[in-house]
C-alpha atoms as a PDB file:
ATOM      1  CA  UNK A   1      33.735  90.535-163.092  1.00  0.00           C
ATOM      2  CA  UNK A   2      37.165  91.586-161.759  1.00  0.00           C
ATOM      3  CA  UNK A   3      37.791  95.326-161.670  1.00  0.00           C
ATOM      4  CA  UNK A   4      40.783  97.603-161.614  1.00  0.00           C
ATOM      5  CA  UNK A   5      40.669  99.735-158.449  1.00  0.00           C
ATOM      6  CA  UNK A   6      43.100 102.416-157.264  1.00  0.00           C
ATOM      7  CA  UNK A   7      43.258 103.289-153.551  1.00  0.00           C
ATOM      8  CA  UNK A   8      44.720 106.295-151.767  1.00  0.00           C
ATOM      9  CA  UNK A   9      45.543 105.860-148.097  1.00  0.00           C
ATOM     10  CA  UNK A  10      46.138 102.147-148.609  1.00  0.00           C
ATOM     11  CA  UNK A  11      48.625 102.077-145.726  1.00  0.00           C
ATOM     12  CA  UNK A  12      45.921 103.123-143.273  1.00  0.00           C
ATOM     13  CA  UNK A  13      43.552 100.967-141.248  1.00  0.00           C
ATOM     14  CA  UNK A  14      40.620 101.065-143.666  1.00  0.00           C
ATOM     15  CA  UNK A  15      42.675 101.308-146.856  1.00  0.00           C
ATOM     16  CA  UNK A  16      44.797  98.300-145.979  1.00  0.00           C
ATOM     17  CA  UNK A  17      41.779  96.173-145.138  1.00  0.00           C
ATOM     18  CA  UNK A  18      39.981  97.281-148.302  1.00  0.00           C
ATOM     19  CA  UNK A  19      43.011  96.464-150.435  1.00  0.00           C
ATOM     20  CA  UNK A  20      43.127  92.944-149.007  1.00  0.00           C
ATOM     21  CA  UNK A  21      39.368  92.491-149.479  1.00  0.00           C
ATOM     22  CA  UNK A  22      39.395  93.601-153.119  1.00  0.00           C
ATOM     23  CA  UNK A  23      42.467  91.524-153.918  1.00  0.00           C
ATOM     24  CA  UNK A  24      40.862  88.461-152.335  1.00  0.00           C
ATOM     25  CA  UNK A  25      37.799  88.788-154.549  1.00  0.00           C
ATOM     26  CA  UNK A  26      39.966  89.010-157.675  1.00  0.00           C
ATOM     27  CA  UNK A  27      40.262  92.734-158.369  1.00  0.00           C
ATOM     28  CA  UNK A  28      43.503  94.316-159.554  1.00  0.00           C
ATOM     29  CA  UNK A  29      44.415  96.845-156.864  1.00  0.00           C
ATOM     30  CA  UNK A  30      46.696  99.837-157.364  1.00  0.00           C
ATOM     31  CA  UNK A  31      48.097 101.964-154.526  1.00  0.00           C
ATOM     32  CA  UNK A  32      48.781 105.676-154.816  1.00  0.00           C
ATOM     33  CA  UNK A  33      51.985 106.462-152.892  1.00  0.00           C
ATOM     34  CA  UNK A  34      53.972 109.623-152.192  1.00  0.00           C
ATOM     35  CA  UNK A  35      57.384 107.955-152.604  1.00  0.00           C
ATOM     36  CA  UNK A  36      58.932 106.424-155.681  1.00  0.00           C
ATOM     37  CA  UNK A  37      56.941 103.327-156.765  1.00  0.00           C
ATOM     38  CA  UNK A  38      58.508  99.989-155.901  1.00  0.00           C
ATOM     39  CA  UNK A  39      56.163  97.765-157.915  1.00  0.00           C
ATOM     40  CA  UNK A  40      53.980  98.001-160.992  1.00  0.00           C
ATOM     41  CA  UNK A  41      50.967  98.191-158.669  1.00  0.00           C
ATOM     42  CA  UNK A  42      52.059 101.547-157.240  1.00  0.00           C
ATOM     43  CA  UNK A  43      51.399 105.009-158.670  1.00  0.00           C
ATOM     44  CA  UNK A  44      53.292 108.062-157.470  1.00  0.00           C
ATOM     45  CA  UNK A  45      51.408 111.231-156.620  1.00  0.00           C
ATOM     46  CA  UNK A  46      51.927 114.373-154.551  1.00  0.00           C
ATOM     47  CA  UNK A  47      48.622 115.632-153.183  1.00  0.00           C
ATOM     48  CA  UNK A  48      50.250 118.573-151.393  1.00  0.00           C
ATOM     49  CA  UNK A  49      51.380 119.860-154.798  1.00  0.00           C
ATOM     50  CA  UNK A  50      48.237 118.492-156.477  1.00  0.00           C
ATOM     51  CA  UNK A  51      50.311 116.329-158.784  1.00  0.00           C
ATOM     52  CA  UNK A  52      48.829 113.139-160.263  1.00  0.00           C
ATOM     53  CA  UNK A  53      49.289 112.044-163.852  1.00  0.00           C
ATOM     54  CA  UNK A  54      45.829 111.092-165.161  1.00  0.00           C
ATOM     55  CA  UNK A  55      47.441 108.608-167.530  1.00  0.00           C
ATOM     56  CA  UNK A  56      48.597 106.603-164.505  1.00  0.00           C
ATOM     57  CA  UNK A  57      44.915 105.920-163.771  1.00  0.00           C
ATOM     58  CA  UNK A  58      44.112 104.978-167.340  1.00  0.00           C
ATOM     59  CA  UNK A  59      41.731 102.018-167.401  1.00  0.00           C
ATOM     60  CA  UNK A  60      40.758 102.030-163.733  1.00  0.00           C
ATOM     61  CA  UNK A  61      37.143 101.212-162.937  1.00  0.00           C
ATOM     62  CA  UNK A  62      37.183 102.992-159.597  1.00  0.00           C
ATOM     63  CA  UNK A  63      39.254 105.089-157.232  1.00  0.00           C
ATOM     64  CA  UNK A  64      38.667 104.809-153.498  1.00  0.00           C
ATOM     65  CA  UNK A  65      40.095 107.909-151.898  1.00  0.00           C
ATOM     66  CA  UNK A  66      40.922 107.479-148.190  1.00  0.00           C
ATOM     67  CA  UNK A  67      43.932 109.742-147.762  1.00  0.00           C
ATOM     68  CA  UNK A  68      44.087 112.367-145.011  1.00  0.00           C
ATOM     69  CA  UNK A  69      45.772 113.277-141.723  1.00  0.00           C
ATOM     70  CA  UNK A  70      44.304 111.461-138.717  1.00  0.00           C
ATOM     71  CA  UNK A  71      41.808 113.578-136.810  1.00  0.00           C
ATOM     72  CA  UNK A  72      42.627 112.018-133.438  1.00  0.00           C
ATOM     73  CA  UNK A  73      46.357 111.500-133.969  1.00  0.00           C
ATOM     74  CA  UNK A  74      47.524 114.794-132.432  1.00  0.00           C
ATOM     75  CA  UNK A  75      46.268 117.640-130.305  1.00  0.00           C
ATOM     76  CA  UNK A  76      44.472 120.218-132.444  1.00  0.00           C
ATOM     77  CA  UNK A  77      47.020 122.992-132.648  1.00  0.00           C
ATOM     78  CA  UNK A  78      46.384 125.638-135.326  1.00  0.00           C
ATOM     79  CA  UNK A  79      49.088 124.032-137.462  1.00  0.00           C
ATOM     80  CA  UNK A  80      47.623 120.535-137.144  1.00  0.00           C
ATOM     81  CA  UNK A  81      44.114 121.770-137.867  1.00  0.00           C
ATOM     82  CA  UNK A  82      45.450 123.252-141.086  1.00  0.00           C
ATOM     83  CA  UNK A  83      47.092 119.904-141.884  1.00  0.00           C
ATOM     84  CA  UNK A  84      43.794 118.069-141.297  1.00  0.00           C
ATOM     85  CA  UNK A  85      42.005 120.477-143.624  1.00  0.00           C
ATOM     86  CA  UNK A  86      44.605 120.699-146.380  1.00  0.00           C
ATOM     87  CA  UNK A  87      45.381 116.969-146.482  1.00  0.00           C
ATOM     88  CA  UNK A  88      41.755 116.204-147.305  1.00  0.00           C
ATOM     89  CA  UNK A  89      40.890 119.066-149.614  1.00  0.00           C
ATOM     90  CA  UNK A  90      44.112 119.046-151.634  1.00  0.00           C
ATOM     91  CA  UNK A  91      44.158 115.282-152.079  1.00  0.00           C
ATOM     92  CA  UNK A  92      40.486 115.081-153.082  1.00  0.00           C
ATOM     93  CA  UNK A  93      40.857 117.891-155.590  1.00  0.00           C
ATOM     94  CA  UNK A  94      43.917 116.155-157.050  1.00  0.00           C
ATOM     95  CA  UNK A  95      42.122 112.843-157.535  1.00  0.00           C
ATOM     96  CA  UNK A  96      38.913 114.431-158.824  1.00  0.00           C
ATOM     97  CA  UNK A  97      40.754 116.573-161.361  1.00  0.00           C
ATOM     98  CA  UNK A  98      42.693 113.581-162.694  1.00  0.00           C
ATOM     99  CA  UNK A  99      39.496 111.569-163.057  1.00  0.00           C
ATOM    100  CA  UNK A 100      37.777 114.483-164.768  1.00  0.00           C
ATOM    101  CA  UNK A 101      40.514 114.436-167.381  1.00  0.00           C
ATOM    102  CA  UNK A 102      39.944 110.712-167.917  1.00  0.00           C
ATOM    103  CA  UNK A 103      36.237 111.432-168.326  1.00  0.00           C
ATOM    104  CA  UNK A 104      37.173 113.871-171.063  1.00  0.00           C
ATOM    105  CA  UNK A 105      38.810 110.925-172.838  1.00  0.00           C
ATOM    106  CA  UNK A 106      35.612 108.881-172.619  1.00  0.00           C
ATOM    107  CA  UNK A 107      36.383 106.863-169.493  1.00  0.00           C
ATOM    108  CA  UNK A 108      33.879 106.576-166.645  1.00  0.00           C
ATOM    109  CA  UNK A 109      35.623 105.547-163.407  1.00  0.00           C
ATOM    110  CA  UNK A 110      33.673 105.893-160.171  1.00  0.00           C
ATOM    111  CA  UNK A 111      35.078 107.896-157.293  1.00  0.00           C
ATOM    112  CA  UNK A 112      34.310 106.615-153.800  1.00  0.00           C
ATOM    113  CA  UNK A 113      35.633 109.397-151.628  1.00  0.00           C
ATOM    114  CA  UNK A 114      36.103 109.059-147.908  1.00  0.00           C
ATOM    115  CA  UNK A 115      34.115 111.423-145.720  1.00  0.00           C
ATOM    116  CA  UNK A 116      32.896 111.527-142.129  1.00  0.00           C
ATOM    117  CA  UNK A 117      29.752 111.767-140.063  1.00  0.00           C
ATOM    118  CA  UNK A 118      31.483 114.617-138.244  1.00  0.00           C
ATOM    119  CA  UNK A 119      29.737 116.863-140.757  1.00  0.00           C
ATOM    120  CA  UNK A 120      26.554 116.492-138.687  1.00  0.00           C
ATOM    121  CA  UNK A 121      28.278 117.452-135.423  1.00  0.00           C
ATOM    122  CA  UNK A 122      29.520 118.152-133.024  1.00  0.00           C
ATOM    123  CA  UNK A 123      26.514 117.369-130.822  1.00  0.00           C
ATOM    124  CA  UNK A 124      22.978 116.559-131.998  1.00  0.00           C
ATOM    125  CA  UNK A 125      21.757 114.761-128.866  1.00  0.00           C
ATOM    126  CA  UNK A 126      19.176 112.059-129.595  1.00  0.00           C
ATOM    127  CA  UNK A 127      18.185 113.442-133.005  1.00  0.00           C
ATOM    128  CA  UNK A 128      18.132 110.730-135.657  1.00  0.00           C
ATOM    129  CA  UNK A 129      20.416 111.837-138.481  1.00  0.00           C
ATOM    130  CA  UNK A 130      20.146 110.707-142.111  1.00  0.00           C
ATOM    131  CA  UNK A 131      21.770 111.710-145.369  1.00  0.00           C
ATOM    132  CA  UNK A 132      19.101 114.427-145.675  1.00  0.00           C
ATOM    133  CA  UNK A 133      19.818 115.976-142.280  1.00  0.00           C
ATOM    134  CA  UNK A 134      21.311 119.486-142.230  1.00  0.00           C
ATOM    135  CA  UNK A 135      25.019 119.702-141.488  1.00  0.00           C
ATOM    136  CA  UNK A 136      26.279 121.032-138.183  1.00  0.00           C
ATOM    137  CA  UNK A 137      28.689 123.772-137.218  1.00  0.00           C
ATOM    138  CA  UNK A 138      32.293 123.635-136.086  1.00  0.00           C
ATOM    139  CA  UNK A 139      35.747 122.774-137.330  1.00  0.00           C
ATOM    140  CA  UNK A 140      35.082 119.190-138.441  1.00  0.00           C
ATOM    141  CA  UNK A 141      31.854 120.233-140.144  1.00  0.00           C
ATOM    142  CA  UNK A 142      33.784 122.849-142.111  1.00  0.00           C
ATOM    143  CA  UNK A 143      36.469 120.295-142.990  1.00  0.00           C
ATOM    144  CA  UNK A 144      34.003 117.720-144.295  1.00  0.00           C
ATOM    145  CA  UNK A 145      32.034 120.314-146.274  1.00  0.00           C
ATOM    146  CA  UNK A 146      35.196 121.442-148.053  1.00  0.00           C
ATOM    147  CA  UNK A 147      36.403 117.828-148.380  1.00  0.00           C
ATOM    148  CA  UNK A 148      33.247 116.761-150.201  1.00  0.00           C
ATOM    149  CA  UNK A 149      33.119 119.935-152.305  1.00  0.00           C
ATOM    150  CA  UNK A 150      36.633 119.204-153.573  1.00  0.00           C
ATOM    151  CA  UNK A 151      35.269 116.285-155.615  1.00  0.00           C
ATOM    152  CA  UNK A 152      33.352 118.737-157.820  1.00  0.00           C
ATOM    153  CA  UNK A 153      35.637 118.354-160.885  1.00  0.00           C
ATOM    154  CA  UNK A 154      34.703 114.657-161.097  1.00  0.00           C
ATOM    155  CA  UNK A 155      31.008 115.374-160.555  1.00  0.00           C
ATOM    156  CA  UNK A 156      31.022 118.160-163.159  1.00  0.00           C
ATOM    157  CA  UNK A 157      32.608 115.720-165.598  1.00  0.00           C
ATOM    158  CA  UNK A 158      29.589 113.437-165.184  1.00  0.00           C
ATOM    159  CA  UNK A 159      31.299 110.738-163.141  1.00  0.00           C
ATOM    160  CA  UNK A 160      29.558 108.844-160.364  1.00  0.00           C
ATOM    161  CA  UNK A 161      30.843 110.092-157.015  1.00  0.00           C
ATOM    162  CA  UNK A 162      30.026 108.569-153.626  1.00  0.00           C
ATOM    163  CA  UNK A 163      30.768 110.488-150.426  1.00  0.00           C
ATOM    164  CA  UNK A 164      31.263 107.708-147.868  1.00  0.00           C
ATOM    165  CA  UNK A 165      30.485 109.374-144.537  1.00  0.00           C
ATOM    166  CA  UNK A 166      32.089 106.931-142.140  1.00  0.00           C
ATOM    167  CA  UNK A 167      31.287 106.632-138.440  1.00  0.00           C
ATOM    168  CA  UNK A 168      33.291 105.091-135.601  1.00  0.00           C
ATOM    169  CA  UNK A 169      35.116 102.108-137.108  1.00  0.00           C
ATOM    170  CA  UNK A 170      35.475  99.217-134.673  1.00  0.00           C
ATOM    171  CA  UNK A 171      38.813  97.461-135.021  1.00  0.00           C
ATOM    172  CA  UNK A 172      41.377  96.187-132.520  1.00  0.00           C
ATOM    173  CA  UNK A 173      44.197  97.506-134.699  1.00  0.00           C
ATOM    174  CA  UNK A 174      43.348 101.192-134.926  1.00  0.00           C
ATOM    175  CA  UNK A 175      40.936 103.976-134.115  1.00  0.00           C
ATOM    176  CA  UNK A 176      39.210 104.436-130.771  1.00  0.00           C
ATOM    177  CA  UNK A 177      38.840 100.727-130.016  1.00  0.00           C
ATOM    178  CA  UNK A 178      42.576 100.129-130.184  1.00  0.00           C
ATOM    179  CA  UNK A 179      42.784 102.317-127.067  1.00  0.00           C
ATOM    180  CA  UNK A 180      39.583 101.089-125.411  1.00  0.00           C
ATOM    181  CA  UNK A 181      40.227  97.332-125.740  1.00  0.00           C
ATOM    182  CA  UNK A 182      43.311  97.178-123.474  1.00  0.00           C
ATOM    183  CA  UNK A 183      41.376  99.056-120.786  1.00  0.00           C
ATOM    184  CA  UNK A 184      38.339  96.825-121.279  1.00  0.00           C
ATOM    185  CA  UNK A 185      40.476  93.714-120.756  1.00  0.00           C
ATOM    186  CA  UNK A 186      41.471  95.128-117.364  1.00  0.00           C
ATOM    187  CA  UNK A 187      37.901  95.994-116.476  1.00  0.00           C
ATOM    188  CA  UNK A 188      38.743  99.696-116.631  1.00  0.00           C
ATOM    189  CA  UNK A 189      36.677 100.825-119.622  1.00  0.00           C
ATOM    190  CA  UNK A 190      33.617 102.907-118.868  1.00  0.00           C
ATOM    191  CA  UNK A 191      31.765 106.081-119.764  1.00  0.00           C
ATOM    192  CA  UNK A 192      33.530 108.955-121.486  1.00  0.00           C
ATOM    193  CA  UNK A 193      31.910 111.987-119.958  1.00  0.00           C
ATOM    194  CA  UNK A 194      28.258 111.137-119.349  1.00  0.00           C
ATOM    195  CA  UNK A 195      28.420 108.029-121.555  1.00  0.00           C
ATOM    196  CA  UNK A 196      25.000 108.996-122.922  1.00  0.00           C
ATOM    197  CA  UNK A 197      26.313 110.488-126.173  1.00  0.00           C
ATOM    198  CA  UNK A 198      25.471 108.378-129.221  1.00  0.00           C
ATOM    199  CA  UNK A 199      28.260 106.551-131.017  1.00  0.00           C
ATOM    200  CA  UNK A 200      27.461 105.575-134.604  1.00  0.00           C
ATOM    201  CA  UNK A 201      29.708 102.569-135.032  1.00  0.00           C
ATOM    202  CA  UNK A 202      30.518 100.149-137.835  1.00  0.00           C
ATOM    203  CA  UNK A 203      32.896  97.191-137.770  1.00  0.00           C
ATOM    204  CA  UNK A 204      35.943  97.329-139.996  1.00  0.00           C
ATOM    205  CA  UNK A 205      34.634  94.278-141.832  1.00  0.00           C
ATOM    206  CA  UNK A 206      31.346  95.989-142.712  1.00  0.00           C
ATOM    207  CA  UNK A 207      33.104  99.268-143.501  1.00  0.00           C
ATOM    208  CA  UNK A 208      35.226  97.493-146.093  1.00  0.00           C
ATOM    209  CA  UNK A 209      32.247  95.582-147.468  1.00  0.00           C
ATOM    210  CA  UNK A 210      30.271  98.816-147.745  1.00  0.00           C
ATOM    211  CA  UNK A 211      33.071 100.549-149.659  1.00  0.00           C
ATOM    212  CA  UNK A 212      33.253  97.620-152.074  1.00  0.00           C
ATOM    213  CA  UNK A 213      29.460  97.752-152.382  1.00  0.00           C
ATOM    214  CA  UNK A 214      29.679 101.448-153.264  1.00  0.00           C
ATOM    215  CA  UNK A 215      32.088 100.598-156.067  1.00  0.00           C
ATOM    216  CA  UNK A 216      29.807  97.891-157.434  1.00  0.00           C
ATOM    217  CA  UNK A 217      26.374  99.525-157.215  1.00  0.00           C
ATOM    218  CA  UNK A 218      25.713 101.904-160.132  1.00  0.00           C
ATOM    219  CA  UNK A 219      22.650 103.279-158.340  1.00  0.00           C
ATOM    220  CA  UNK A 220      24.701 104.655-155.448  1.00  0.00           C
ATOM    221  CA  UNK A 221      25.893 108.236-155.690  1.00  0.00           C
ATOM    222  CA  UNK A 222      26.139 111.305-153.514  1.00  0.00           C
ATOM    223  CA  UNK A 223      26.098 111.068-149.741  1.00  0.00           C
ATOM    224  CA  UNK A 224      26.068 107.601-148.155  1.00  0.00           C
ATOM    225  CA  UNK A 225      26.360 107.135-144.383  1.00  0.00           C
ATOM    226  CA  UNK A 226      28.668 104.228-143.554  1.00  0.00           C
ATOM    227  CA  UNK A 227      27.458 103.392-140.068  1.00  0.00           C
ATOM    228  CA  UNK A 228      25.864 100.345-138.541  1.00  0.00           C
ATOM    229  CA  UNK A 229      22.085 100.100-138.144  1.00  0.00           C
ATOM    230  CA  UNK A 230      22.195 100.330-134.324  1.00  0.00           C
ATOM    231  CA  UNK A 231      23.821 103.552-133.064  1.00  0.00           C
ATOM    232  CA  UNK A 232      23.889 103.477-129.265  1.00  0.00           C
ATOM    233  CA  UNK A 233      25.024 105.562-126.297  1.00  0.00           C
ATOM    234  CA  UNK A 234      28.765 105.304-125.810  1.00  0.00           C
ATOM    235  CA  UNK A 235      28.482 103.456-122.507  1.00  0.00           C
ATOM    236  CA  UNK A 236      26.294 100.766-124.096  1.00  0.00           C
ATOM    237  CA  UNK A 237      28.930 100.198-126.794  1.00  0.00           C
ATOM    238  CA  UNK A 238      31.702  99.894-124.207  1.00  0.00           C
ATOM    239  CA  UNK A 239      29.573  97.622-122.020  1.00  0.00           C
ATOM    240  CA  UNK A 240      28.987  95.291-124.974  1.00  0.00           C
ATOM    241  CA  UNK A 241      32.738  95.086-125.597  1.00  0.00           C
ATOM    242  CA  UNK A 242      33.444  94.501-121.905  1.00  0.00           C
ATOM    243  CA  UNK A 243      30.751  91.822-121.773  1.00  0.00           C
ATOM    244  CA  UNK A 244      32.274  90.025-124.751  1.00  0.00           C
ATOM    245  CA  UNK A 245      35.516  89.973-122.766  1.00  0.00           C
ATOM    246  CA  UNK A 246      33.763  88.857-119.588  1.00  0.00           C
ATOM    247  CA  UNK A 247      34.745  92.069-117.820  1.00  0.00           C
ATOM    248  CA  UNK A 248      32.868  94.957-116.177  1.00  0.00           C
ATOM    249  CA  UNK A 249      32.734  98.482-117.616  1.00  0.00           C
ATOM    250  CA  UNK A 250      33.104 100.754-114.646  1.00  0.00           C
ATOM    251  CA  UNK A 251      35.786 103.426-114.657  1.00  0.00           C
ATOM    252  CA  UNK A 252      34.529 106.765-115.979  1.00  0.00           C
ATOM    253  CA  UNK A 253      36.601 109.392-117.777  1.00  0.00           C
ATOM    254  CA  UNK A 254      35.221 112.758-116.608  1.00  0.00           C
ATOM    255  CA  UNK A 255      34.426 115.409-119.214  1.00  0.00           C
ATOM    256  CA  UNK A 256      36.836 117.913-117.670  1.00  0.00           C
ATOM    257  CA  UNK A 257      39.738 115.457-117.813  1.00  0.00           C
ATOM    258  CA  UNK A 258      39.007 114.698-121.469  1.00  0.00           C
ATOM    259  CA  UNK A 259      38.885 118.409-122.294  1.00  0.00           C
ATOM    260  CA  UNK A 260      42.263 118.941-120.644  1.00  0.00           C
ATOM    261  CA  UNK A 261      43.787 115.883-122.337  1.00  0.00           C
ATOM    262  CA  UNK A 262      42.255 116.191-125.813  1.00  0.00           C
ATOM    263  CA  UNK A 263      41.692 119.926-126.100  1.00  0.00           C
ATOM    264  CA  UNK A 264      39.253 121.024-128.803  1.00  0.00           C
ATOM    265  CA  UNK A 265      38.853 117.464-130.151  1.00  0.00           C
ATOM    266  CA  UNK A 266      37.105 116.520-126.891  1.00  0.00           C
ATOM    267  CA  UNK A 267      33.904 118.225-128.077  1.00  0.00           C
ATOM    268  CA  UNK A 268      33.665 115.668-130.880  1.00  0.00           C
ATOM    269  CA  UNK A 269      34.347 112.727-128.527  1.00  0.00           C
ATOM    270  CA  UNK A 270      31.773 113.947-126.015  1.00  0.00           C
ATOM    271  CA  UNK A 271      29.260 115.022-128.660  1.00  0.00           C
ATOM    272  CA  UNK A 272      26.327 112.847-129.683  1.00  0.00           C
ATOM    273  CA  UNK A 273      25.698 111.796-133.295  1.00  0.00           C
ATOM    274  CA  UNK A 274      22.922 109.265-133.886  1.00  0.00           C
ATOM    275  CA  UNK A 275      23.458 108.503-137.571  1.00  0.00           C
ATOM    276  CA  UNK A 276      21.509 105.968-139.608  1.00  0.00           C
ATOM    277  CA  UNK A 277      22.677 104.282-142.858  1.00  0.00           C
ATOM    278  CA  UNK A 278      19.434 104.925-144.757  1.00  0.00           C
ATOM    279  CA  UNK A 279      20.830 105.143-148.288  1.00  0.00           C
ATOM    280  CA  UNK A 280      23.125 102.154-147.782  1.00  0.00           C
ATOM    281  CA  UNK A 281      20.397  99.827-146.504  1.00  0.00           C
ATOM    282  CA  UNK A 282      17.902 101.053-149.107  1.00  0.00           C
ATOM    283  CA  UNK A 283      20.377  99.998-151.799  1.00  0.00           C
ATOM    284  CA  UNK A 284      20.214  96.410-150.552  1.00  0.00           C
ATOM    285  CA  UNK A 285      23.349  96.254-148.423  1.00  0.00           C
ATOM    286  CA  UNK A 286      23.208  93.882-145.452  1.00  0.00           C
ATOM    287  CA  UNK A 287      25.504  93.996-142.431  1.00  0.00           C
ATOM    288  CA  UNK A 288      27.540  91.080-141.145  1.00  0.00           C
ATOM    289  CA  UNK A 289      27.438  92.671-137.677  1.00  0.00           C
ATOM    290  CA  UNK A 290      24.091  94.411-137.335  1.00  0.00           C
ATOM    291  CA  UNK A 291      23.897  94.551-133.520  1.00  0.00           C
ATOM    292  CA  UNK A 292      26.383  95.887-131.007  1.00  0.00           C
ATOM    293  CA  UNK A 293      26.600  92.434-129.411  1.00  0.00           C
ATOM    294  CA  UNK A 294      27.606  90.868-132.742  1.00  0.00           C
ATOM    295  CA  UNK A 295      30.029  93.718-133.353  1.00  0.00           C
ATOM    296  CA  UNK A 296      31.621  93.275-129.918  1.00  0.00           C
ATOM    297  CA  UNK A 297      32.037  89.527-130.436  1.00  0.00           C
ATOM    298  CA  UNK A 298      33.636  90.168-133.830  1.00  0.00           C
ATOM    299  CA  UNK A 299      35.913  92.836-132.370  1.00  0.00           C
ATOM    300  CA  UNK A 300      37.118  90.635-129.529  1.00  0.00           C
ATOM    301  CA  UNK A 301      37.585  87.717-131.909  1.00  0.00           C
ATOM    302  CA  UNK A 302      39.863  89.818-134.119  1.00  0.00           C
ATOM    303  CA  UNK A 303      42.041  91.059-131.270  1.00  0.00           C
END
């Protein structure tokens, strides 16, 4: 049955793909925007000021909240770290409070709120991490803890809330792979640091399907890891992509160079997070790309 779904961050990589996916299956999709609305499918809000009219969400079945400053978009200066933190916490609190007011009027929309596996970081080696694993320590861990806690108004109102802890999203149009693919085509991709750190990847296609699944499944709530079922060392992921292109994966990026180039964010690139999607698979979700070879072929085919 078609649903009415509002999305924040719809101009981003995941939000744009999710909007297209939901529209294609027949849902009515609304976009929350910071500017003046240009169509009836747009809703104005101001997360920095925590302004969102609950009436604008009247009748929605779900809100998928994906708004937030990009973690890897800029060097982590104190000012940008504050922007990363505030953009997630303020926006989540704004959405959750508006939905809580709708719940007070007898409506029961679900909130699928973006989150990140960075909460387990920054480096857990070969430890297998599940939704029950303890959180880590560091800046991103603190951000994600506060990010998820900001949904409390919706949870307290009795609404179903899903914290979608997303891993490394494979797409040729954004994220890490948008930078790796051009190098891989030249045969220049290789290990970042040791290359032995685990990358918990998921294709954009499966990420979008998993978010839609979270909307649809009434049994899903709380923390859900959105990662593929085969986390692998970083070099193995890059080798699979290079192989799909018929190229070698040789040139390393030394840890010291990454630390100089990326600053504090380098610890999260070089750290190892071996995250499994236990709750997602237990709910019955199946992956279109369940191996790194299938993921690499899909990635190259989309480029």
